Amino acid sequence: MPSFPLSASTKRLTMLAGLVVACGLLAACGAGSAESAKSSDVTYKAWTEGGNLKSVRHDYVDGLNGAVSLPAEVSGAKWSRQEDGGHTPRLKAVPTDKGVAHCLLRDGDGRVLDQQKGAAGRSVTCSAKR
């Protein structure tokens, strides 16, 4: 294979052109990642009628460790959070006293995955498989 001598300015121009192409490809890949991240988001909502929330626990994805279930800090009659729900988002809400708890899971596109209403003084659980 014959080699041709290239000037320093030609080498710099070739390297710059390669970087521009690489950056363009990375930007295109990043745009797709942002789109898929949005669709994996889940809005978790819990609320009560006739009382407050005693406790809320929700499952979400935590990177390479998979699903994590955590108790949430609650005060009052409403709670909501948006997280990457993964394949099996889940939400459990417990009302105080005789309150009626509700839960809702909605995907990043606005579609309702699950919505439940509990009985007075009883916990309610929403879950979905995606």
C-alpha atoms as a PDB file:
ATOM      1  CA  MET A   1       0.000   0.000   0.000  1.00  0.00           C
ATOM      2  CA  PRO A   2       1.603   3.269  -1.058  1.00  0.00           C
ATOM      3  CA  SER A   3       1.836   6.059   1.454  1.00  0.00           C
ATOM      4  CA  PHE A   4       1.360   9.673   0.553  1.00  0.00           C
ATOM      5  CA  PRO A   5       2.883  12.420   2.609  1.00  0.00           C
ATOM      6  CA  LEU A   6       0.247  14.715   4.123  1.00  0.00           C
ATOM      7  CA  SER A   7       0.868  18.215   5.310  1.00  0.00           C
ATOM      8  CA  ALA A   8       0.198  19.129   8.948  1.00  0.00           C
ATOM      9  CA  SER A   9      -2.750  21.333   7.942  1.00  0.00           C
ATOM     10  CA  THR A  10      -4.329  18.476   5.933  1.00  0.00           C
ATOM     11  CA  LYS A  11      -3.946  16.136   8.915  1.00  0.00           C
ATOM     12  CA  ARG A  12      -5.595  18.708  11.232  1.00  0.00           C
ATOM     13  CA  LEU A  13      -8.439  19.265   8.765  1.00  0.00           C
ATOM     14  CA  THR A  14      -9.015  15.510   8.428  1.00  0.00           C
ATOM     15  CA  MET A  15      -9.003  15.067  12.207  1.00  0.00           C
ATOM     16  CA  LEU A  16     -11.444  17.973  12.656  1.00  0.00           C
ATOM     17  CA  ALA A  17     -13.792  16.528  10.032  1.00  0.00           C
ATOM     18  CA  GLY A  18     -13.703  13.169  11.850  1.00  0.00           C
ATOM     19  CA  LEU A  19     -14.530  14.841  15.166  1.00  0.00           C
ATOM     20  CA  VAL A  20     -17.461  16.706  13.621  1.00  0.00           C
ATOM     21  CA  VAL A  21     -18.876  13.451  12.236  1.00  0.00           C
ATOM     22  CA  ALA A  22     -18.338  11.642  15.567  1.00  0.00           C
ATOM     23  CA  CYS A  23     -20.044  14.447  17.518  1.00  0.00           C
ATOM     24  CA  GLY A  24     -22.986  14.379  15.118  1.00  0.00           C
ATOM     25  CA  LEU A  25     -23.375  10.637  15.580  1.00  0.00           C
ATOM     26  CA  LEU A  26     -23.173  10.951  19.369  1.00  0.00           C
ATOM     27  CA  ALA A  27     -25.782  13.712  19.362  1.00  0.00           C
ATOM     28  CA  ALA A  28     -28.114  11.549  17.290  1.00  0.00           C
ATOM     29  CA  CYS A  29     -27.671   8.652  19.725  1.00  0.00           C
ATOM     30  CA  GLY A  30     -28.241  10.985  22.671  1.00  0.00           C
ATOM     31  CA  ALA A  31     -31.533  12.229  21.234  1.00  0.00           C
ATOM     32  CA  GLY A  32     -32.816   8.654  21.038  1.00  0.00           C
ATOM     33  CA  SER A  33     -31.723   8.005  24.614  1.00  0.00           C
ATOM     34  CA  ALA A  34     -33.599  11.049  25.894  1.00  0.00           C
ATOM     35  CA  GLU A  35     -36.725   9.866  24.097  1.00  0.00           C
ATOM     36  CA  SER A  36     -36.531   6.369  25.589  1.00  0.00           C
ATOM     37  CA  ALA A  37     -35.779   7.802  29.047  1.00  0.00           C
ATOM     38  CA  LYS A  38     -38.967   9.846  28.871  1.00  0.00           C
ATOM     39  CA  SER A  39     -41.067   6.812  27.987  1.00  0.00           C
ATOM     40  CA  SER A  40     -39.604   4.780  30.877  1.00  0.00           C
ATOM     41  CA  ASP A  41     -40.575   7.473  33.401  1.00  0.00           C
ATOM     42  CA  VAL A  42     -43.564   6.734  35.600  1.00  0.00           C
ATOM     43  CA  THR A  43     -45.562   9.248  37.591  1.00  0.00           C
ATOM     44  CA  TYR A  44     -46.538   7.772  40.953  1.00  0.00           C
ATOM     45  CA  LYS A  45     -49.483   9.473  42.723  1.00  0.00           C
ATOM     46  CA  ALA A  46     -51.231   8.717  45.995  1.00  0.00           C
ATOM     47  CA  TRP A  47     -53.965  10.708  47.720  1.00  0.00           C
ATOM     48  CA  THR A  48     -56.719  10.290  50.292  1.00  0.00           C
ATOM     49  CA  GLU A  49     -60.280  11.355  50.900  1.00  0.00           C
ATOM     50  CA  GLY A  50     -61.321  12.045  54.507  1.00  0.00           C
ATOM     51  CA  GLY A  51     -57.857  11.799  56.036  1.00  0.00           C
ATOM     52  CA  ASN A  52     -54.150  11.963  55.352  1.00  0.00           C
ATOM     53  CA  LEU A  53     -51.585   9.540  54.041  1.00  0.00           C
ATOM     54  CA  LYS A  54     -50.001   7.474  56.790  1.00  0.00           C
ATOM     55  CA  SER A  55     -47.380   5.897  54.525  1.00  0.00           C
ATOM     56  CA  VAL A  56     -46.401   5.435  50.880  1.00  0.00           C
ATOM     57  CA  ARG A  57     -44.005   2.881  49.417  1.00  0.00           C
ATOM     58  CA  HIS A  58     -42.995   2.773  45.749  1.00  0.00           C
ATOM     59  CA  ASP A  59     -40.856   0.506  43.565  1.00  0.00           C
ATOM     60  CA  TYR A  60     -38.647   2.031  40.888  1.00  0.00           C
ATOM     61  CA  VAL A  61     -35.484   1.208  38.927  1.00  0.00           C
ATOM     62  CA  ASP A  62     -32.125   2.088  40.468  1.00  0.00           C
ATOM     63  CA  GLY A  63     -29.570   1.523  37.728  1.00  0.00           C
ATOM     64  CA  LEU A  64     -27.777  -1.806  37.554  1.00  0.00           C
ATOM     65  CA  ASN A  65     -29.240  -2.943  40.892  1.00  0.00           C
ATOM     66  CA  GLY A  66     -32.715  -3.369  39.402  1.00  0.00           C
ATOM     67  CA  ALA A  67     -35.885  -2.499  41.296  1.00  0.00           C
ATOM     68  CA  VAL A  68     -35.775  -0.743  44.636  1.00  0.00           C
ATOM     69  CA  SER A  69     -38.676  -0.379  47.048  1.00  0.00           C
ATOM     70  CA  LEU A  70     -38.504   2.639  49.323  1.00  0.00           C
ATOM     71  CA  PRO A  71     -40.808   4.259  51.842  1.00  0.00           C
ATOM     72  CA  ALA A  72     -41.553   7.851  50.923  1.00  0.00           C
ATOM     73  CA  GLU A  73     -41.720  10.853  53.199  1.00  0.00           C
ATOM     74  CA  VAL A  74     -45.379  11.849  53.380  1.00  0.00           C
ATOM     75  CA  SER A  75     -47.300  14.640  55.023  1.00  0.00           C
ATOM     76  CA  GLY A  76     -50.845  15.579  54.220  1.00  0.00           C
ATOM     77  CA  ALA A  77     -53.329  14.026  51.845  1.00  0.00           C
ATOM     78  CA  LYS A  78     -51.283  14.021  48.583  1.00  0.00           C
ATOM     79  CA  TRP A  79     -47.973  12.585  47.395  1.00  0.00           C
ATOM     80  CA  SER A  80     -46.420  12.231  43.937  1.00  0.00           C
ATOM     81  CA  ARG A  81     -43.068  11.452  42.384  1.00  0.00           C
ATOM     82  CA  GLN A  82     -41.694  10.831  38.888  1.00  0.00           C
ATOM     83  CA  GLU A  83     -39.069   8.094  38.514  1.00  0.00           C
ATOM     84  CA  ASP A  84     -37.875   5.475  36.052  1.00  0.00           C
ATOM     85  CA  GLY A  85     -40.476   2.796  36.755  1.00  0.00           C
ATOM     86  CA  GLY A  86     -38.733  -0.024  34.919  1.00  0.00           C
ATOM     87  CA  HIS A  87     -40.717  -3.108  33.974  1.00  0.00           C
ATOM     88  CA  THR A  88     -42.828  -3.431  37.135  1.00  0.00           C
ATOM     89  CA  PRO A  89     -43.673  -0.115  38.807  1.00  0.00           C
ATOM     90  CA  ARG A  90     -45.616  -0.495  42.066  1.00  0.00           C
ATOM     91  CA  LEU A  91     -47.116   1.905  44.613  1.00  0.00           C
ATOM     92  CA  LYS A  92     -48.715   1.162  47.981  1.00  0.00           C
ATOM     93  CA  ALA A  93     -50.549   3.882  49.938  1.00  0.00           C
ATOM     94  CA  VAL A  94     -51.885   3.590  53.487  1.00  0.00           C
ATOM     95  CA  PRO A  95     -54.393   6.164  54.808  1.00  0.00           C
ATOM     96  CA  THR A  96     -54.778   7.395  58.371  1.00  0.00           C
ATOM     97  CA  ASP A  97     -57.851   6.337  60.377  1.00  0.00           C
ATOM     98  CA  LYS A  98     -60.924   5.990  58.132  1.00  0.00           C
ATOM     99  CA  GLY A  99     -59.509   7.804  55.103  1.00  0.00           C
ATOM    100  CA  VAL A 100     -59.890   6.291  51.643  1.00  0.00           C
ATOM    101  CA  ALA A 101     -56.583   5.964  49.776  1.00  0.00           C
ATOM    102  CA  HIS A 102     -56.168   6.193  46.000  1.00  0.00           C
ATOM    103  CA  CYS A 103     -53.174   5.380  43.808  1.00  0.00           C
ATOM    104  CA  LEU A 104     -52.271   6.065  40.195  1.00  0.00           C
ATOM    105  CA  LEU A 105     -49.414   4.997  37.915  1.00  0.00           C
ATOM    106  CA  ARG A 106     -49.028   6.912  34.638  1.00  0.00           C
ATOM    107  CA  ASP A 107     -46.315   6.325  32.010  1.00  0.00           C
ATOM    108  CA  GLY A 108     -44.165   9.012  30.383  1.00  0.00           C
ATOM    109  CA  ASP A 109     -46.593   9.257  27.462  1.00  0.00           C
ATOM    110  CA  GLY A 110     -49.528  10.051  29.802  1.00  0.00           C
ATOM    111  CA  ARG A 111     -51.175   6.624  29.571  1.00  0.00           C
ATOM    112  CA  VAL A 112     -52.687   5.276  32.809  1.00  0.00           C
ATOM    113  CA  LEU A 113     -50.946   2.021  33.768  1.00  0.00           C
ATOM    114  CA  ASP A 114     -53.078   1.349  36.870  1.00  0.00           C
ATOM    115  CA  GLN A 115     -55.453   3.247  39.129  1.00  0.00           C
ATOM    116  CA  GLN A 116     -57.080   1.919  42.304  1.00  0.00           C
ATOM    117  CA  LYS A 117     -59.321   3.130  45.127  1.00  0.00           C
ATOM    118  CA  GLY A 118     -59.095   1.422  48.509  1.00  0.00           C
ATOM    119  CA  ALA A 119     -61.638   0.850  51.246  1.00  0.00           C
ATOM    120  CA  ALA A 120     -61.910   3.130  54.291  1.00  0.00           C
ATOM    121  CA  GLY A 121     -58.866   2.726  56.530  1.00  0.00           C
ATOM    122  CA  ARG A 122     -57.252   0.132  54.232  1.00  0.00           C
ATOM    123  CA  SER A 123     -54.150   0.237  52.076  1.00  0.00           C
ATOM    124  CA  VAL A 124     -54.344   0.319  48.297  1.00  0.00           C
ATOM    125  CA  THR A 125     -51.787  -0.937  45.761  1.00  0.00           C
ATOM    126  CA  CYS A 126     -51.251  -0.048  42.113  1.00  0.00           C
ATOM    127  CA  SER A 127     -48.906  -2.105  39.954  1.00  0.00           C
ATOM    128  CA  ALA A 128     -48.169  -2.648  36.288  1.00  0.00           C
ATOM    129  CA  LYS A 129     -46.055  -4.800  33.994  1.00  0.00           C
ATOM    130  CA  ARG A 130     -44.559  -3.094  30.956  1.00  0.00           C
END
